Amino acid sequence: MENGNSVLRGEKDILTLKFDELSNKHSSVLSELSASQSQCNVLRRQISEYDDRLRQINDQHQIVVDDMKNQLTSLLYNHETKEKSHINMINTLEAKLEKLTNENNELNKLLKLHESELEHLRTVEKVTVIQRTNEDKFMQTVDDIQK
């Protein structure tokens, strides 16, 4: 019995040592787990802060993108408006040019008509001068004959 008790005490001591080892390991694992949980909590807070900052940056980015989009739309509208205005101006100038060309053609026709009339009048004047000269010569001859 004593031998049995001694064996049991030896086993009890071994089990106590193993229990103490396991208890120490358990405590160590719990400490590491607690430290890991603390690190996880810190990381979660940092991730949450990064997510908030990322949302803010995305919101600011979207505002900038929307503003640039509005500016580009406005520039495009202004460009299209100016382009239409220039097209209208070109059309107006082309119409004026056509009108002036037509007026110029009419004036050229009128000028040719006046030049023809002027040429005719010069011819008539030459004929008249020749006739007068001939008449004067005739009258002179008649006068000479009568004298």
N, C-alpha and C. Protein backbone atom coordinates (compact mmCIF):
# COMPACT_ATOMS: atom_id res chain seq x y z
N MET A 1 0.78 -1.17 0.00
CA MET A 1 0.00 0.00 0.00
C MET A 1 0.85 1.27 0.00
N GLU A 2 1.84 1.17 0.80
CA GLU A 2 2.72 2.29 0.81
C GLU A 2 3.38 2.43 -0.55
N ASN A 3 3.68 1.33 -1.09
CA ASN A 3 4.26 1.34 -2.42
C ASN A 3 3.25 1.93 -3.40
N GLY A 4 2.02 1.52 -3.28
CA GLY A 4 0.94 2.02 -4.13
C GLY A 4 0.73 3.50 -3.91
N ASN A 5 0.79 3.90 -2.61
CA ASN A 5 0.62 5.32 -2.30
C ASN A 5 1.78 6.12 -2.87
N SER A 6 2.95 5.54 -2.78
CA SER A 6 4.12 6.21 -3.27
C SER A 6 4.03 6.36 -4.79
N VAL A 7 3.55 5.35 -5.48
CA VAL A 7 3.37 5.41 -6.93
C VAL A 7 2.33 6.48 -7.25
N LEU A 8 1.26 6.47 -6.45
CA LEU A 8 0.19 7.45 -6.69
C LEU A 8 0.70 8.87 -6.44
N ARG A 9 1.51 9.02 -5.37
CA ARG A 9 2.06 10.34 -5.09
C ARG A 9 3.00 10.76 -6.23
N GLY A 10 3.78 9.84 -6.76
CA GLY A 10 4.67 10.13 -7.87
C GLY A 10 3.88 10.56 -9.10
N GLU A 11 2.80 9.81 -9.34
CA GLU A 11 1.94 10.16 -10.49
C GLU A 11 1.26 11.50 -10.26
N LYS A 12 0.87 11.71 -8.97
CA LYS A 12 0.23 12.98 -8.62
C LYS A 12 1.22 14.11 -8.85
N ASP A 13 2.47 13.92 -8.43
CA ASP A 13 3.49 14.96 -8.60
C ASP A 13 3.74 15.23 -10.09
N ILE A 14 3.79 14.12 -10.88
CA ILE A 14 3.98 14.27 -12.32
C ILE A 14 2.81 15.03 -12.92
N LEU A 15 1.59 14.63 -12.52
CA LEU A 15 0.38 15.30 -13.03
C LEU A 15 0.34 16.77 -12.59
N THR A 16 0.77 17.03 -11.35
CA THR A 16 0.78 18.40 -10.84
C THR A 16 1.77 19.23 -11.66
N LEU A 17 2.97 18.64 -11.93
CA LEU A 17 3.96 19.35 -12.74
C LEU A 17 3.41 19.63 -14.15
N LYS A 18 2.81 18.59 -14.73
CA LYS A 18 2.22 18.76 -16.06
C LYS A 18 1.10 19.79 -16.04
N PHE A 19 0.28 19.77 -14.99
CA PHE A 19 -0.81 20.74 -14.85
C PHE A 19 -0.23 22.15 -14.75
N ASP A 20 0.82 22.28 -13.92
CA ASP A 20 1.45 23.59 -13.75
C ASP A 20 2.04 24.08 -15.08
N GLU A 21 2.69 23.14 -15.80
CA GLU A 21 3.24 23.49 -17.10
C GLU A 21 2.13 23.94 -18.06
N LEU A 22 1.07 23.12 -18.09
CA LEU A 22 -0.07 23.46 -18.96
C LEU A 22 -0.71 24.76 -18.52
N SER A 23 -0.82 24.98 -17.22
CA SER A 23 -1.42 26.21 -16.70
C SER A 23 -0.56 27.41 -17.10
N ASN A 24 0.78 27.24 -16.97
CA ASN A 24 1.69 28.32 -17.37
C ASN A 24 1.58 28.59 -18.88
N LYS A 25 1.56 27.47 -19.65
CA LYS A 25 1.40 27.63 -21.09
C LYS A 25 0.07 28.31 -21.41
N HIS A 26 -0.99 27.91 -20.70
CA HIS A 26 -2.32 28.50 -20.91
C HIS A 26 -2.27 29.99 -20.61
N SER A 27 -1.62 30.34 -19.49
CA SER A 27 -1.50 31.76 -19.11
C SER A 27 -0.70 32.53 -20.17
N SER A 28 0.38 31.88 -20.65
CA SER A 28 1.20 32.51 -21.67
C SER A 28 0.40 32.72 -22.95
N VAL A 29 -0.36 31.67 -23.35
CA VAL A 29 -1.19 31.77 -24.55
C VAL A 29 -2.25 32.85 -24.35
N LEU A 30 -2.86 32.90 -23.16
CA LEU A 30 -3.87 33.94 -22.87
C LEU A 30 -3.25 35.34 -22.96
N SER A 31 -2.02 35.49 -22.44
CA SER A 31 -1.34 36.78 -22.52
C SER A 31 -1.08 37.16 -23.98
N GLU A 32 -0.57 36.18 -24.74
CA GLU A 32 -0.33 36.44 -26.16
C GLU A 32 -1.63 36.76 -26.88
N LEU A 33 -2.69 36.01 -26.54
CA LEU A 33 -4.00 36.26 -27.14
C LEU A 33 -4.49 37.65 -26.80
N SER A 34 -4.32 38.05 -25.55
CA SER A 34 -4.75 39.38 -25.13
C SER A 34 -3.94 40.45 -25.87
N ALA A 35 -2.61 40.22 -25.97
CA ALA A 35 -1.77 41.18 -26.69
C ALA A 35 -2.18 41.23 -28.16
N SER A 36 -2.45 40.06 -28.75
CA SER A 36 -2.88 40.01 -30.15
C SER A 36 -4.21 40.72 -30.33
N GLN A 37 -5.13 40.53 -29.38
CA GLN A 37 -6.43 41.22 -29.46
C GLN A 37 -6.25 42.73 -29.37
N SER A 38 -5.32 43.15 -28.49
CA SER A 38 -5.05 44.59 -28.38
C SER A 38 -4.49 45.12 -29.70
N GLN A 39 -3.55 44.37 -30.29
CA GLN A 39 -2.99 44.78 -31.58
C GLN A 39 -4.08 44.80 -32.65
N CYS A 40 -4.95 43.77 -32.62
CA CYS A 40 -6.06 43.73 -33.58
C CYS A 40 -6.97 44.93 -33.40
N ASN A 41 -7.25 45.29 -32.15
CA ASN A 41 -8.11 46.45 -31.89
C ASN A 41 -7.45 47.73 -32.41
N VAL A 42 -6.13 47.86 -32.18
CA VAL A 42 -5.40 49.02 -32.69
C VAL A 42 -5.47 49.03 -34.22
N LEU A 43 -5.23 47.86 -34.83
CA LEU A 43 -5.28 47.77 -36.29
C LEU A 43 -6.69 48.07 -36.80
N ARG A 44 -7.71 47.59 -36.11
CA ARG A 44 -9.10 47.89 -36.53
C ARG A 44 -9.37 49.39 -36.49
N ARG A 45 -8.90 50.04 -35.40
CA ARG A 45 -9.07 51.49 -35.30
C ARG A 45 -8.34 52.19 -36.45
N GLN A 46 -7.10 51.76 -36.73
CA GLN A 46 -6.34 52.36 -37.82
C GLN A 46 -7.04 52.13 -39.16
N ILE A 47 -7.53 50.91 -39.37
CA ILE A 47 -8.25 50.60 -40.61
C ILE A 47 -9.49 51.47 -40.71
N SER A 48 -10.20 51.62 -39.59
CA SER A 48 -11.40 52.46 -39.59
C SER A 48 -11.04 53.91 -39.92
N GLU A 49 -9.93 54.41 -39.32
CA GLU A 49 -9.48 55.77 -39.61
C GLU A 49 -9.07 55.90 -41.07
N TYR A 50 -8.35 54.87 -41.59
CA TYR A 50 -7.95 54.90 -42.99
C TYR A 50 -9.17 54.86 -43.91
N ASP A 51 -10.17 54.05 -43.53
CA ASP A 51 -11.40 53.99 -44.33
C ASP A 51 -12.10 55.35 -44.34
N ASP A 52 -12.17 55.99 -43.16
CA ASP A 52 -12.80 57.32 -43.09
C ASP A 52 -12.02 58.31 -43.95
N ARG A 53 -10.70 58.28 -43.83
CA ARG A 53 -9.86 59.20 -44.62
C ARG A 53 -10.02 58.92 -46.11
N LEU A 54 -10.07 57.63 -46.46
CA LEU A 54 -10.25 57.25 -47.86
C LEU A 54 -11.60 57.75 -48.39
N ARG A 55 -12.64 57.64 -47.57
CA ARG A 55 -13.96 58.16 -47.97
C ARG A 55 -13.90 59.66 -48.19
N GLN A 56 -13.21 60.36 -47.26
CA GLN A 56 -13.07 61.82 -47.41
C GLN A 56 -12.33 62.16 -48.70
N ILE A 57 -11.24 61.45 -48.94
CA ILE A 57 -10.45 61.70 -50.16
C ILE A 57 -11.29 61.40 -51.40
N ASN A 58 -12.03 60.29 -51.36
CA ASN A 58 -12.90 59.94 -52.50
C ASN A 58 -13.98 61.00 -52.71
N ASP A 59 -14.55 61.49 -51.59
CA ASP A 59 -15.57 62.55 -51.71
C ASP A 59 -14.96 63.81 -52.32
N GLN A 60 -13.76 64.20 -51.82
CA GLN A 60 -13.09 65.38 -52.37
C GLN A 60 -12.74 65.16 -53.84
N HIS A 61 -12.27 63.97 -54.15
CA HIS A 61 -11.94 63.64 -55.54
C HIS A 61 -13.19 63.75 -56.42
N GLN A 62 -14.31 63.24 -55.93
CA GLN A 62 -15.55 63.29 -56.71
C GLN A 62 -15.98 64.74 -56.93
N ILE A 63 -15.80 65.57 -55.89
CA ILE A 63 -16.14 67.00 -56.02
C ILE A 63 -15.28 67.64 -57.11
N VAL A 64 -13.97 67.33 -57.07
CA VAL A 64 -13.05 67.89 -58.08
C VAL A 64 -13.43 67.39 -59.47
N VAL A 65 -13.71 66.08 -59.57
CA VAL A 65 -14.09 65.50 -60.87
C VAL A 65 -15.38 66.15 -61.37
N ASP A 66 -16.38 66.29 -60.49
CA ASP A 66 -17.65 66.91 -60.90
C ASP A 66 -17.43 68.35 -61.34
N ASP A 67 -16.58 69.08 -60.58
CA ASP A 67 -16.30 70.47 -60.93
C ASP A 67 -15.61 70.56 -62.29
N MET A 68 -14.62 69.70 -62.50
CA MET A 68 -13.92 69.70 -63.80
C MET A 68 -14.88 69.31 -64.92
N LYS A 69 -15.75 68.36 -64.64
CA LYS A 69 -16.73 67.93 -65.64
C LYS A 69 -17.65 69.11 -66.00
N ASN A 70 -18.10 69.85 -64.98
CA ASN A 70 -18.94 71.02 -65.23
C ASN A 70 -18.19 72.09 -66.01
N GLN A 71 -16.92 72.30 -65.66
CA GLN A 71 -16.12 73.29 -66.40
C GLN A 71 -15.95 72.87 -67.85
N LEU A 72 -15.67 71.59 -68.07
CA LEU A 72 -15.50 71.11 -69.44
C LEU A 72 -16.80 71.24 -70.22
N THR A 73 -17.92 70.91 -69.57
CA THR A 73 -19.22 71.05 -70.22
C THR A 73 -19.47 72.50 -70.59
N SER A 74 -19.15 73.40 -69.66
CA SER A 74 -19.32 74.84 -69.91
C SER A 74 -18.41 75.30 -71.06
N LEU A 75 -17.16 74.86 -71.03
CA LEU A 75 -16.23 75.22 -72.11
C LEU A 75 -16.72 74.69 -73.46
N LEU A 76 -17.20 73.46 -73.45
CA LEU A 76 -17.71 72.87 -74.69
C LEU A 76 -18.91 73.66 -75.19
N TYR A 77 -19.83 74.02 -74.28
CA TYR A 77 -21.01 74.79 -74.67
C TYR A 77 -20.58 76.15 -75.23
N ASN A 78 -19.63 76.81 -74.53
CA ASN A 78 -19.14 78.11 -75.01
C ASN A 78 -18.48 77.97 -76.37
N HIS A 79 -17.70 76.91 -76.54
CA HIS A 79 -17.05 76.67 -77.83
C HIS A 79 -18.09 76.46 -78.92
N GLU A 80 -19.11 75.65 -78.62
CA GLU A 80 -20.15 75.39 -79.62
C GLU A 80 -20.90 76.67 -79.95
N THR A 81 -21.18 77.48 -78.92
CA THR A 81 -21.87 78.75 -79.14
C THR A 81 -21.03 79.68 -80.01
N LYS A 82 -19.73 79.77 -79.69
CA LYS A 82 -18.85 80.62 -80.50
C LYS A 82 -18.73 80.08 -81.91
N GLU A 83 -18.68 78.75 -82.03
CA GLU A 83 -18.58 78.16 -83.36
C GLU A 83 -19.83 78.49 -84.18
N LYS A 84 -21.02 78.38 -83.55
CA LYS A 84 -22.26 78.72 -84.26
C LYS A 84 -22.25 80.20 -84.63
N SER A 85 -21.78 81.04 -83.70
CA SER A 85 -21.71 82.48 -83.97
C SER A 85 -20.77 82.75 -85.15
N HIS A 86 -19.63 82.06 -85.17
CA HIS A 86 -18.69 82.25 -86.28
C HIS A 86 -19.28 81.76 -87.60
N ILE A 87 -20.00 80.64 -87.54
CA ILE A 87 -20.64 80.13 -88.76
C ILE A 87 -21.66 81.14 -89.26
N ASN A 88 -22.47 81.69 -88.34
CA ASN A 88 -23.46 82.71 -88.73
C ASN A 88 -22.76 83.94 -89.32
N MET A 89 -21.65 84.34 -88.67
CA MET A 89 -20.91 85.50 -89.16
C MET A 89 -20.36 85.22 -90.57
N ILE A 90 -19.82 84.02 -90.76
CA ILE A 90 -19.29 83.65 -92.08
C ILE A 90 -20.40 83.66 -93.11
N ASN A 91 -21.56 83.08 -92.75
CA ASN A 91 -22.69 83.07 -93.68
C ASN A 91 -23.13 84.49 -94.03
N THR A 92 -23.18 85.36 -93.01
CA THR A 92 -23.56 86.75 -93.24
C THR A 92 -22.55 87.43 -94.16
N LEU A 93 -21.26 87.22 -93.89
CA LEU A 93 -20.22 87.83 -94.73
C LEU A 93 -20.26 87.28 -96.15
N GLU A 94 -20.54 85.98 -96.29
CA GLU A 94 -20.66 85.40 -97.64
C GLU A 94 -21.84 86.02 -98.38
N ALA A 95 -22.96 86.23 -97.66
CA ALA A 95 -24.13 86.85 -98.29
C ALA A 95 -23.81 88.28 -98.71
N LYS A 96 -23.11 89.03 -97.83
CA LYS A 96 -22.73 90.40 -98.17
C LYS A 96 -21.78 90.41 -99.36
N LEU A 97 -20.83 89.46 -99.36
CA LEU A 97 -19.89 89.38 -100.48
C LEU A 97 -20.63 89.10 -101.78
N GLU A 98 -21.59 88.18 -101.73
CA GLU A 98 -22.37 87.87 -102.93
C GLU A 98 -23.14 89.10 -103.40
N LYS A 99 -23.74 89.83 -102.43
CA LYS A 99 -24.50 91.04 -102.78
C LYS A 99 -23.57 92.08 -103.41
N LEU A 100 -22.39 92.27 -102.79
CA LEU A 100 -21.44 93.24 -103.33
C LEU A 100 -20.93 92.81 -104.70
N THR A 101 -20.73 91.51 -104.88
CA THR A 101 -20.30 91.01 -106.19
C THR A 101 -21.36 91.29 -107.24
N ASN A 102 -22.62 91.03 -106.88
CA ASN A 102 -23.72 91.31 -107.81
C ASN A 102 -23.80 92.80 -108.13
N GLU A 103 -23.67 93.63 -107.08
CA GLU A 103 -23.70 95.08 -107.30
C GLU A 103 -22.52 95.50 -108.20
N ASN A 104 -21.36 94.92 -107.95
CA ASN A 104 -20.18 95.22 -108.76
C ASN A 104 -20.41 94.82 -110.22
N ASN A 105 -21.00 93.65 -110.42
CA ASN A 105 -21.30 93.20 -111.79
C ASN A 105 -22.26 94.17 -112.47
N GLU A 106 -23.28 94.60 -111.74
CA GLU A 106 -24.24 95.57 -112.29
C GLU A 106 -23.54 96.88 -112.63
N LEU A 107 -22.67 97.33 -111.71
CA LEU A 107 -21.94 98.57 -111.96
C LEU A 107 -21.00 98.43 -113.16
N ASN A 108 -20.39 97.26 -113.32
CA ASN A 108 -19.53 97.02 -114.50
C ASN A 108 -20.34 97.07 -115.78
N LYS A 109 -21.55 96.48 -115.75
CA LYS A 109 -22.43 96.53 -116.93
C LYS A 109 -22.79 97.98 -117.24
N LEU A 110 -23.15 98.73 -116.19
CA LEU A 110 -23.51 100.13 -116.36
C LEU A 110 -22.31 100.93 -116.88
N LEU A 111 -21.12 100.63 -116.35
CA LEU A 111 -19.92 101.30 -116.81
C LEU A 111 -19.67 101.02 -118.29
N LYS A 112 -19.83 99.77 -118.71
CA LYS A 112 -19.65 99.43 -120.13
C LYS A 112 -20.68 100.15 -120.99
N LEU A 113 -21.90 100.24 -120.49
CA LEU A 113 -22.95 100.95 -121.22
C LEU A 113 -22.56 102.43 -121.37
N HIS A 114 -22.12 103.04 -120.29
CA HIS A 114 -21.70 104.45 -120.33
C HIS A 114 -20.48 104.64 -121.24
N GLU A 115 -19.56 103.68 -121.17
CA GLU A 115 -18.39 103.78 -122.06
C GLU A 115 -18.83 103.69 -123.52
N SER A 116 -19.80 102.81 -123.80
CA SER A 116 -20.32 102.70 -125.18
C SER A 116 -20.98 104.01 -125.58
N GLU A 117 -21.78 104.57 -124.69
CA GLU A 117 -22.45 105.85 -124.98
C GLU A 117 -21.41 106.95 -125.19
N LEU A 118 -20.38 106.94 -124.33
CA LEU A 118 -19.34 107.94 -124.45
C LEU A 118 -18.62 107.80 -125.80
N GLU A 119 -18.33 106.58 -126.18
CA GLU A 119 -17.68 106.33 -127.47
C GLU A 119 -18.58 106.81 -128.61
N HIS A 120 -19.88 106.52 -128.47
CA HIS A 120 -20.83 106.97 -129.48
C HIS A 120 -20.85 108.50 -129.56
N LEU A 121 -20.88 109.14 -128.38
CA LEU A 121 -20.90 110.61 -128.35
C LEU A 121 -19.61 111.18 -128.95
N ARG A 122 -18.49 110.56 -128.70
CA ARG A 122 -17.22 111.02 -129.28
C ARG A 122 -17.26 110.90 -130.81
N THR A 123 -17.83 109.77 -131.23
CA THR A 123 -17.95 109.57 -132.68
C THR A 123 -18.87 110.64 -133.27
N VAL A 124 -20.00 110.87 -132.62
CA VAL A 124 -20.94 111.90 -133.09
C VAL A 124 -20.26 113.26 -133.08
N GLU A 125 -19.48 113.53 -132.05
CA GLU A 125 -18.78 114.81 -131.96
C GLU A 125 -17.78 114.95 -133.12
N LYS A 126 -17.05 113.89 -133.40
CA LYS A 126 -16.09 113.93 -134.51
C LYS A 126 -16.81 114.18 -135.84
N VAL A 127 -17.93 113.46 -135.99
CA VAL A 127 -18.71 113.63 -137.23
C VAL A 127 -19.21 115.07 -137.31
N THR A 128 -19.69 115.57 -136.18
CA THR A 128 -20.21 116.94 -136.14
C THR A 128 -19.09 117.93 -136.47
N VAL A 129 -17.94 117.72 -135.90
CA VAL A 129 -16.81 118.61 -136.15
C VAL A 129 -16.44 118.54 -137.64
N ILE A 130 -16.42 117.33 -138.16
CA ILE A 130 -16.09 117.18 -139.59
C ILE A 130 -17.15 117.88 -140.44
N GLN A 131 -18.42 117.70 -140.09
CA GLN A 131 -19.50 118.35 -140.84
C GLN A 131 -19.36 119.86 -140.75
N ARG A 132 -19.09 120.38 -139.59
CA ARG A 132 -18.95 121.82 -139.43
C ARG A 132 -17.76 122.33 -140.25
N THR A 133 -16.69 121.55 -140.12
CA THR A 133 -15.51 121.95 -140.89
C THR A 133 -15.84 121.96 -142.38
N ASN A 134 -16.53 120.92 -142.81
CA ASN A 134 -16.93 120.86 -144.23
C ASN A 134 -17.88 122.01 -144.58
N GLU A 135 -18.80 122.28 -143.69
CA GLU A 135 -19.74 123.39 -143.93
C GLU A 135 -18.99 124.71 -143.98
N ASP A 136 -18.05 124.84 -143.01
CA ASP A 136 -17.27 126.08 -142.98
C ASP A 136 -16.47 126.23 -144.29
N LYS A 137 -15.89 125.12 -144.73
CA LYS A 137 -15.13 125.14 -145.98
C LYS A 137 -16.06 125.47 -147.16
N PHE A 138 -17.23 124.85 -147.12
CA PHE A 138 -18.20 125.10 -148.19
C PHE A 138 -18.59 126.58 -148.19
N MET A 139 -18.88 127.10 -147.02
CA MET A 139 -19.28 128.49 -146.91
C MET A 139 -18.13 129.41 -147.35
N GLN A 140 -16.95 129.02 -146.99
CA GLN A 140 -15.79 129.80 -147.39
C GLN A 140 -15.65 129.78 -148.92
N THR A 141 -15.85 128.60 -149.45
CA THR A 141 -15.78 128.46 -150.91
C THR A 141 -16.87 129.29 -151.56
N VAL A 142 -18.07 129.22 -151.03
CA VAL A 142 -19.19 130.00 -151.56
C VAL A 142 -18.84 131.48 -151.43
N ASP A 143 -18.32 131.89 -150.33
CA ASP A 143 -17.93 133.29 -150.11
C ASP A 143 -16.85 133.69 -151.12
N ASP A 144 -15.92 132.79 -151.30
CA ASP A 144 -14.82 133.07 -152.22
C ASP A 144 -15.36 133.22 -153.65
N ILE A 145 -16.29 132.36 -153.98
CA ILE A 145 -16.88 132.39 -155.31
C ILE A 145 -17.68 133.69 -155.46
N GLN A 146 -18.39 134.10 -154.52
CA GLN A 146 -19.23 135.29 -154.59
C GLN A 146 -18.35 136.55 -154.61
N LYS A 147 -17.24 136.52 -154.25
CA LYS A 147 -16.39 137.71 -154.21
C LYS A 147 -15.75 137.88 -155.49
